[in-house]
PDB file of N, CA and C in Angstrom:
ATOM      1  N   UNK A   1       9.405   9.565  12.875  1.00  0.00           N
ATOM      2  CA  UNK A   1       9.738   8.496  11.966  1.00  0.00           C
ATOM      3  C   UNK A   1      11.130   8.768  11.412  1.00  0.00           C
ATOM      4  N   UNK A   2      11.980   7.786  11.571  1.00  0.00           N
ATOM      5  CA  UNK A   2      13.346   7.902  11.087  1.00  0.00           C
ATOM      6  C   UNK A   2      13.399   7.765   9.565  1.00  0.00           C
ATOM      7  N   UNK A   3      14.448   8.293   8.992  1.00  0.00           N
ATOM      8  CA  UNK A   3      14.595   8.226   7.536  1.00  0.00           C
ATOM      9  C   UNK A   3      14.854   6.801   7.071  1.00  0.00           C
ATOM     10  N   UNK A   4      15.569   6.007   7.865  1.00  0.00           N
ATOM     11  CA  UNK A   4      15.901   4.628   7.513  1.00  0.00           C
ATOM     12  C   UNK A   4      15.369   3.675   8.574  1.00  0.00           C
ATOM     13  N   UNK A   5      14.993   2.499   8.127  1.00  0.00           N
ATOM     14  CA  UNK A   5      14.611   1.426   9.035  1.00  0.00           C
ATOM     15  C   UNK A   5      15.815   0.523   9.207  1.00  0.00           C
ATOM     16  N   UNK A   6      15.784  -0.300  10.247  1.00  0.00           N
ATOM     17  CA  UNK A   6      16.914  -1.196  10.447  1.00  0.00           C
ATOM     18  C   UNK A   6      16.429  -2.589  10.798  1.00  0.00           C
ATOM     19  N   UNK A   7      17.253  -3.528  10.446  1.00  0.00           N
ATOM     20  CA  UNK A   7      17.059  -4.919  10.796  1.00  0.00           C
ATOM     21  C   UNK A   7      18.298  -5.336  11.567  1.00  0.00           C
ATOM     22  N   UNK A   8      18.508  -6.621  11.752  1.00  0.00           N
ATOM     23  CA  UNK A   8      19.638  -7.058  12.572  1.00  0.00           C
ATOM     24  C   UNK A   8      20.990  -6.664  11.976  1.00  0.00           C
ATOM     25  N   UNK A   9      21.127  -6.656  10.655  1.00  0.00           N
ATOM     26  CA  UNK A   9      22.425  -6.372  10.041  1.00  0.00           C
ATOM     27  C   UNK A   9      22.393  -5.297   8.960  1.00  0.00           C
ATOM     28  N   UNK A  10      21.252  -4.679   8.741  1.00  0.00           N
ATOM     29  CA  UNK A  10      21.160  -3.723   7.640  1.00  0.00           C
ATOM     30  C   UNK A  10      20.350  -2.492   8.028  1.00  0.00           C
ATOM     31  N   UNK A  11      20.611  -1.399   7.337  1.00  0.00           N
ATOM     32  CA  UNK A  11      19.757  -0.224   7.332  1.00  0.00           C
ATOM     33  C   UNK A  11      19.176  -0.143   5.932  1.00  0.00           C
ATOM     34  N   UNK A  12      17.903   0.153   5.823  1.00  0.00           N
ATOM     35  CA  UNK A  12      17.269   0.159   4.509  1.00  0.00           C
ATOM     36  C   UNK A  12      16.176   1.211   4.454  1.00  0.00           C
ATOM     37  N   UNK A  13      15.842   1.562   3.209  1.00  0.00           N
ATOM     38  CA  UNK A  13      14.720   2.455   2.955  1.00  0.00           C
ATOM     39  C   UNK A  13      14.081   2.038   1.639  1.00  0.00           C
ATOM     40  N   UNK A  14      13.138   1.154   1.725  1.00  0.00           N
ATOM     41  CA  UNK A  14      12.403   0.668   0.554  1.00  0.00           C
ATOM     42  C   UNK A  14      11.025   1.331   0.586  1.00  0.00           C
ATOM     43  N   UNK A  15      10.884   2.407  -0.146  1.00  0.00           N
ATOM     44  CA  UNK A  15       9.630   3.157  -0.172  1.00  0.00           C
ATOM     45  C   UNK A  15       9.140   3.217  -1.605  1.00  0.00           C
ATOM     46  N   UNK A  16       7.871   2.893  -1.803  1.00  0.00           N
ATOM     47  CA  UNK A  16       7.308   2.815  -3.147  1.00  0.00           C
ATOM     48  C   UNK A  16       6.014   3.610  -3.231  1.00  0.00           C
ATOM     49  N   UNK A  17       5.799   4.227  -4.382  1.00  0.00           N
ATOM     50  CA  UNK A  17       4.547   4.916  -4.682  1.00  0.00           C
ATOM     51  C   UNK A  17       3.817   4.051  -5.700  1.00  0.00           C
ATOM     52  N   UNK A  18       2.709   3.472  -5.282  1.00  0.00           N
ATOM     53  CA  UNK A  18       1.953   2.536  -6.117  1.00  0.00           C
ATOM     54  C   UNK A  18       0.603   3.171  -6.443  1.00  0.00           C
ATOM     55  N   UNK A  19       0.237   3.138  -7.712  1.00  0.00           N
ATOM     56  CA  UNK A  19      -1.041   3.692  -8.157  1.00  0.00           C
ATOM     57  C   UNK A  19      -1.735   2.631  -8.991  1.00  0.00           C
ATOM     58  N   UNK A  20      -3.010   2.395  -8.712  1.00  0.00           N
ATOM     59  CA  UNK A  20      -3.778   1.515  -9.582  1.00  0.00           C
ATOM     60  C   UNK A  20      -5.192   2.039  -9.722  1.00  0.00           C
ATOM     61  N   UNK A  21      -5.831   1.654 -10.836  1.00  0.00           N
ATOM     62  CA  UNK A  21      -7.153   2.165 -11.177  1.00  0.00           C
ATOM     63  C   UNK A  21      -8.167   1.039 -11.195  1.00  0.00           C
ATOM     64  N   UNK A  22      -9.415   1.431 -11.146  1.00  0.00           N
ATOM     65  CA  UNK A  22     -10.478   0.441 -11.318  1.00  0.00           C
ATOM     66  C   UNK A  22     -10.581   0.088 -12.806  1.00  0.00           C
ATOM     67  N   UNK A  23     -11.198  -1.021 -13.102  1.00  0.00           N
ATOM     68  CA  UNK A  23     -11.314  -1.454 -14.490  1.00  0.00           C
ATOM     69  C   UNK A  23     -12.127  -0.431 -15.279  1.00  0.00           C
ATOM     70  N   UNK A  24     -11.612  -0.049 -16.417  1.00  0.00           N
ATOM     71  CA  UNK A  24     -12.199   0.963 -17.301  1.00  0.00           C
ATOM     72  C   UNK A  24     -12.342   2.314 -16.585  1.00  0.00           C
ATOM     73  N   UNK A  25     -11.611   2.516 -15.500  1.00  0.00           N
ATOM     74  CA  UNK A  25     -11.658   3.727 -14.674  1.00  0.00           C
ATOM     75  C   UNK A  25     -13.084   4.082 -14.262  1.00  0.00           C
ATOM     76  N   UNK A  26     -13.861   3.056 -13.951  1.00  0.00           N
ATOM     77  CA  UNK A  26     -15.218   3.289 -13.464  1.00  0.00           C
ATOM     78  C   UNK A  26     -15.159   4.002 -12.126  1.00  0.00           C
ATOM     79  N   UNK A  27     -16.074   4.904 -11.898  1.00  0.00           N
ATOM     80  CA  UNK A  27     -16.098   5.704 -10.678  1.00  0.00           C
ATOM     81  C   UNK A  27     -16.880   4.964  -9.589  1.00  0.00           C
ATOM     82  N   UNK A  28     -16.255   3.898  -9.045  1.00  0.00           N
ATOM     83  CA  UNK A  28     -16.950   3.062  -8.062  1.00  0.00           C
ATOM     84  C   UNK A  28     -16.372   3.166  -6.659  1.00  0.00           C
ATOM     85  N   UNK A  29     -15.253   3.806  -6.493  1.00  0.00           N
ATOM     86  CA  UNK A  29     -14.604   3.868  -5.179  1.00  0.00           C
ATOM     87  C   UNK A  29     -15.115   5.078  -4.401  1.00  0.00           C
ATOM     88  N   UNK A  30     -16.342   5.004  -3.956  1.00  0.00           N
ATOM     89  CA  UNK A  30     -16.935   6.083  -3.178  1.00  0.00           C
ATOM     90  C   UNK A  30     -17.824   5.486  -2.090  1.00  0.00           C
ATOM     91  N   UNK A  31     -18.088   6.265  -1.073  1.00  0.00           N
ATOM     92  CA  UNK A  31     -18.960   5.832   0.018  1.00  0.00           C
ATOM     93  C   UNK A  31     -18.381   4.675   0.812  1.00  0.00           C
ATOM     94  N   UNK A  32     -19.206   3.682   1.055  1.00  0.00           N
ATOM     95  CA  UNK A  32     -18.794   2.521   1.849  1.00  0.00           C
ATOM     96  C   UNK A  32     -17.728   1.686   1.163  1.00  0.00           C
ATOM     97  N   UNK A  33     -17.731   1.662  -0.156  1.00  0.00           N
ATOM     98  CA  UNK A  33     -16.716   0.909  -0.902  1.00  0.00           C
ATOM     99  C   UNK A  33     -15.340   1.516  -0.652  1.00  0.00           C
ATOM    100  N   UNK A  34     -15.242   2.827  -0.690  1.00  0.00           N
ATOM    101  CA  UNK A  34     -13.962   3.498  -0.445  1.00  0.00           C
ATOM    102  C   UNK A  34     -13.478   3.255   0.973  1.00  0.00           C
ATOM    103  N   UNK A  35     -14.381   3.294   1.947  1.00  0.00           N
ATOM    104  CA  UNK A  35     -14.009   3.033   3.331  1.00  0.00           C
ATOM    105  C   UNK A  35     -13.499   1.610   3.510  1.00  0.00           C
ATOM    106  N   UNK A  36     -14.150   0.672   2.855  1.00  0.00           N
ATOM    107  CA  UNK A  36     -13.735  -0.733   2.953  1.00  0.00           C
ATOM    108  C   UNK A  36     -12.385  -0.964   2.284  1.00  0.00           C
ATOM    109  N   UNK A  37     -12.152  -0.340   1.133  1.00  0.00           N
ATOM    110  CA  UNK A  37     -10.857  -0.439   0.456  1.00  0.00           C
ATOM    111  C   UNK A  37      -9.762   0.134   1.343  1.00  0.00           C
ATOM    112  N   UNK A  38     -10.013   1.279   1.932  1.00  0.00           N
ATOM    113  CA  UNK A  38      -9.060   1.929   2.833  1.00  0.00           C
ATOM    114  C   UNK A  38      -8.718   1.016   4.010  1.00  0.00           C
ATOM    115  N   UNK A  39      -9.739   0.437   4.632  1.00  0.00           N
ATOM    116  CA  UNK A  39      -9.537  -0.447   5.777  1.00  0.00           C
ATOM    117  C   UNK A  39      -8.795  -1.718   5.388  1.00  0.00           C
ATOM    118  N   UNK A  40      -9.158  -2.315   4.264  1.00  0.00           N
ATOM    119  CA  UNK A  40      -8.512  -3.553   3.813  1.00  0.00           C
ATOM    120  C   UNK A  40      -7.035  -3.332   3.494  1.00  0.00           C
ATOM    121  N   UNK A  41      -6.710  -2.223   2.867  1.00  0.00           N
ATOM    122  CA  UNK A  41      -5.306  -1.935   2.554  1.00  0.00           C
ATOM    123  C   UNK A  41      -4.500  -1.796   3.831  1.00  0.00           C
ATOM    124  N   UNK A  42      -5.060  -1.134   4.839  1.00  0.00           N
ATOM    125  CA  UNK A  42      -4.367  -1.021   6.127  1.00  0.00           C
ATOM    126  C   UNK A  42      -4.146  -2.392   6.760  1.00  0.00           C
ATOM    127  N   UNK A  43      -5.150  -3.241   6.723  1.00  0.00           N
ATOM    128  CA  UNK A  43      -5.040  -4.575   7.316  1.00  0.00           C
ATOM    129  C   UNK A  43      -4.012  -5.414   6.562  1.00  0.00           C
ATOM    130  N   UNK A  44      -4.076  -5.410   5.234  1.00  0.00           N
ATOM    131  CA  UNK A  44      -3.167  -6.231   4.443  1.00  0.00           C
ATOM    132  C   UNK A  44      -1.721  -5.765   4.582  1.00  0.00           C
ATOM    133  N   UNK A  45      -1.503  -4.459   4.628  1.00  0.00           N
ATOM    134  CA  UNK A  45      -0.136  -3.954   4.787  1.00  0.00           C
ATOM    135  C   UNK A  45       0.416  -4.292   6.170  1.00  0.00           C
ATOM    136  N   UNK A  46      -0.422  -4.255   7.177  1.00  0.00           N
ATOM    137  CA  UNK A  46       0.063  -4.630   8.507  1.00  0.00           C
ATOM    138  C   UNK A  46       0.367  -6.126   8.575  1.00  0.00           C
ATOM    139  N   UNK A  47      -0.349  -6.933   7.823  1.00  0.00           N
ATOM    140  CA  UNK A  47      -0.066  -8.378   7.787  1.00  0.00           C
ATOM    141  C   UNK A  47       1.298  -8.661   7.161  1.00  0.00           C
ATOM    142  N   UNK A  48       1.711  -7.852   6.210  1.00  0.00           N
ATOM    143  CA  UNK A  48       2.998  -8.027   5.539  1.00  0.00           C
ATOM    144  C   UNK A  48       4.107  -7.197   6.182  1.00  0.00           C
ATOM    145  N   UNK A  49       3.828  -6.591   7.332  1.00  0.00           N
ATOM    146  CA  UNK A  49       4.808  -5.788   8.084  1.00  0.00           C
ATOM    147  C   UNK A  49       5.279  -4.565   7.305  1.00  0.00           C
ATOM    148  N   UNK A  50       4.359  -3.950   6.575  1.00  0.00           N
ATOM    149  CA  UNK A  50       4.648  -2.728   5.828  1.00  0.00           C
ATOM    150  C   UNK A  50       4.096  -1.537   6.594  1.00  0.00           C
ATOM    151  N   UNK A  51       4.663  -0.384   6.325  1.00  0.00           N
ATOM    152  CA  UNK A  51       4.212   0.840   6.980  1.00  0.00           C
ATOM    153  C   UNK A  51       3.676   1.784   5.916  1.00  0.00           C
ATOM    154  N   UNK A  52       2.428   2.180   6.067  1.00  0.00           N
ATOM    155  CA  UNK A  52       1.803   3.088   5.106  1.00  0.00           C
ATOM    156  C   UNK A  52       2.221   4.512   5.436  1.00  0.00           C
ATOM    157  N   UNK A  53       2.834   5.175   4.464  1.00  0.00           N
ATOM    158  CA  UNK A  53       3.219   6.577   4.609  1.00  0.00           C
ATOM    159  C   UNK A  53       2.045   7.456   4.209  1.00  0.00           C
ATOM    160  N   UNK A  54       1.413   7.099   3.096  1.00  0.00           N
ATOM    161  CA  UNK A  54       0.264   7.860   2.622  1.00  0.00           C
ATOM    162  C   UNK A  54      -0.655   6.938   1.842  1.00  0.00           C
ATOM    163  N   UNK A  55      -1.947   7.093   2.050  1.00  0.00           N
ATOM    164  CA  UNK A  55      -2.953   6.324   1.330  1.00  0.00           C
ATOM    165  C   UNK A  55      -4.080   7.264   0.961  1.00  0.00           C
ATOM    166  N   UNK A  56      -4.423   7.280  -0.330  1.00  0.00           N
ATOM    167  CA  UNK A  56      -5.474   8.157  -0.822  1.00  0.00           C
ATOM    168  C   UNK A  56      -6.341   7.369  -1.786  1.00  0.00           C
ATOM    169  N   UNK A  57      -7.605   7.176  -1.415  1.00  0.00           N
ATOM    170  CA  UNK A  57      -8.554   6.461  -2.273  1.00  0.00           C
ATOM    171  C   UNK A  57      -9.394   7.502  -2.992  1.00  0.00           C
ATOM    172  N   UNK A  58      -9.147   7.663  -4.286  1.00  0.00           N
ATOM    173  CA  UNK A  58      -9.931   8.574  -5.118  1.00  0.00           C
ATOM    174  C   UNK A  58     -11.130   7.815  -5.671  1.00  0.00           C
ATOM    175  N   UNK A  59     -11.962   8.488  -6.436  1.00  0.00           N
ATOM    176  CA  UNK A  59     -13.190   7.877  -6.934  1.00  0.00           C
ATOM    177  C   UNK A  59     -12.927   6.805  -7.999  1.00  0.00           C
ATOM    178  N   UNK A  60     -11.782   6.915  -8.721  1.00  0.00           N
ATOM    179  CA  UNK A  60     -11.493   5.922  -9.760  1.00  0.00           C
ATOM    180  C   UNK A  60     -10.077   5.351  -9.687  1.00  0.00           C
ATOM    181  N   UNK A  61      -9.298   5.725  -8.664  1.00  0.00           N
ATOM    182  CA  UNK A  61      -7.963   5.151  -8.512  1.00  0.00           C
ATOM    183  C   UNK A  61      -7.492   5.273  -7.061  1.00  0.00           C
ATOM    184  N   UNK A  62      -6.407   4.563  -6.762  1.00  0.00           N
ATOM    185  CA  UNK A  62      -5.856   4.522  -5.411  1.00  0.00           C
ATOM    186  C   UNK A  62      -4.374   4.871  -5.475  1.00  0.00           C
ATOM    187  N   UNK A  63      -3.932   5.752  -4.576  1.00  0.00           N
ATOM    188  CA  UNK A  63      -2.513   6.078  -4.413  1.00  0.00           C
ATOM    189  C   UNK A  63      -2.060   5.488  -3.090  1.00  0.00           C
ATOM    190  N   UNK A  64      -0.945   4.785  -3.114  1.00  0.00           N
ATOM    191  CA  UNK A  64      -0.399   4.185  -1.899  1.00  0.00           C
ATOM    192  C   UNK A  64       1.102   4.427  -1.869  1.00  0.00           C
ATOM    193  N   UNK A  65       1.580   5.077  -0.823  1.00  0.00           N
ATOM    194  CA  UNK A  65       3.011   5.222  -0.577  1.00  0.00           C
ATOM    195  C   UNK A  65       3.300   4.357   0.636  1.00  0.00           C
ATOM    196  N   UNK A  66       4.144   3.365   0.441  1.00  0.00           N
ATOM    197  CA  UNK A  66       4.356   2.362   1.478  1.00  0.00           C
ATOM    198  C   UNK A  66       5.836   2.074   1.645  1.00  0.00           C
ATOM    199  N   UNK A  67       6.242   1.797   2.880  1.00  0.00           N
ATOM    200  CA  UNK A  67       7.615   1.387   3.188  1.00  0.00           C
ATOM    201  C   UNK A  67       7.587  -0.094   3.528  1.00  0.00           C
ATOM    202  N   UNK A  68       8.416  -0.855   2.842  1.00  0.00           N
ATOM    203  CA  UNK A  68       8.405  -2.305   2.995  1.00  0.00           C
ATOM    204  C   UNK A  68       9.747  -2.811   3.502  1.00  0.00           C
ATOM    205  N   UNK A  69       9.752  -3.986   4.112  1.00  0.00           N
ATOM    206  CA  UNK A  69      11.033  -4.611   4.455  1.00  0.00           C
ATOM    207  C   UNK A  69      11.701  -5.127   3.185  1.00  0.00           C
ATOM    208  N   UNK A  70      13.021  -5.254   3.172  1.00  0.00           N
ATOM    209  CA  UNK A  70      13.703  -5.686   1.945  1.00  0.00           C
ATOM    210  C   UNK A  70      13.394  -7.135   1.556  1.00  0.00           C
ATOM    211  N   UNK A  71      12.849  -7.911   2.462  1.00  0.00           N
ATOM    212  CA  UNK A  71      12.524  -9.301   2.136  1.00  0.00           C
ATOM    213  C   UNK A  71      11.238  -9.431   1.331  1.00  0.00           C
ATOM    214  N   UNK A  72      10.496  -8.346   1.183  1.00  0.00           N
ATOM    215  CA  UNK A  72       9.221  -8.358   0.475  1.00  0.00           C
ATOM    216  C   UNK A  72       9.363  -7.643  -0.863  1.00  0.00           C
ATOM    217  N   UNK A  73       9.042  -8.335  -1.948  1.00  0.00           N
ATOM    218  CA  UNK A  73       9.139  -7.692  -3.271  1.00  0.00           C
ATOM    219  C   UNK A  73       7.892  -6.848  -3.527  1.00  0.00           C
ATOM    220  N   UNK A  74       8.033  -5.893  -4.422  1.00  0.00           N
ATOM    221  CA  UNK A  74       6.923  -5.004  -4.752  1.00  0.00           C
ATOM    222  C   UNK A  74       5.793  -5.783  -5.408  1.00  0.00           C
ATOM    223  N   UNK A  75       6.131  -6.697  -6.295  1.00  0.00           N
ATOM    224  CA  UNK A  75       5.097  -7.472  -6.983  1.00  0.00           C
ATOM    225  C   UNK A  75       4.326  -8.355  -6.000  1.00  0.00           C
ATOM    226  N   UNK A  76       5.009  -8.882  -4.998  1.00  0.00           N
ATOM    227  CA  UNK A  76       4.322  -9.694  -3.995  1.00  0.00           C
ATOM    228  C   UNK A  76       3.357  -8.842  -3.175  1.00  0.00           C
ATOM    229  N   UNK A  77       3.788  -7.650  -2.805  1.00  0.00           N
ATOM    230  CA  UNK A  77       2.916  -6.746  -2.029  1.00  0.00           C
ATOM    231  C   UNK A  77       1.702  -6.330  -2.837  1.00  0.00           C
ATOM    232  N   UNK A  78       1.911  -5.911  -4.081  1.00  0.00           N
ATOM    233  CA  UNK A  78       0.795  -5.460  -4.909  1.00  0.00           C
ATOM    234  C   UNK A  78      -0.175  -6.610  -5.189  1.00  0.00           C
ATOM    235  N   UNK A  79       0.361  -7.787  -5.477  1.00  0.00           N
ATOM    236  CA  UNK A  79      -0.493  -8.948  -5.705  1.00  0.00           C
ATOM    237  C   UNK A  79      -1.325  -9.305  -4.478  1.00  0.00           C
ATOM    238  N   UNK A  80      -0.728  -9.166  -3.303  1.00  0.00           N
ATOM    239  CA  UNK A  80      -1.435  -9.473  -2.052  1.00  0.00           C
ATOM    240  C   UNK A  80      -2.514  -8.440  -1.778  1.00  0.00           C
ATOM    241  N   UNK A  81      -2.197  -7.161  -1.933  1.00  0.00           N
ATOM    242  CA  UNK A  81      -3.162  -6.099  -1.627  1.00  0.00           C
ATOM    243  C   UNK A  81      -4.301  -6.081  -2.640  1.00  0.00           C
ATOM    244  N   UNK A  82      -3.972  -6.200  -3.922  1.00  0.00           N
ATOM    245  CA  UNK A  82      -5.016  -6.152  -4.941  1.00  0.00           C
ATOM    246  C   UNK A  82      -5.842  -7.434  -4.998  1.00  0.00           C
ATOM    247  N   UNK A  83      -5.257  -8.539  -4.569  1.00  0.00           N
ATOM    248  CA  UNK A  83      -5.965  -9.818  -4.600  1.00  0.00           C
ATOM    249  C   UNK A  83      -7.034  -9.872  -3.538  1.00  0.00           C
TER     250      UNK A  83
END
């Protein structure tokens, strides 16, 4: 994996570390729920042409390190994945 990605006229590196928790930090992200969250995040990121560097689903929160194209804002990605 190269340090920078490229498009037709630019080189870029848009990498973000996103963390979010369950409501009231309830410990619900375990077992089949955690597997489904993991799978859905992979599917949604591939739909938006993002590359997952690291994904970790803990029992009460999720860590996501993702590389995005410059045409995609962070708020749009988070809204899409969490929605």
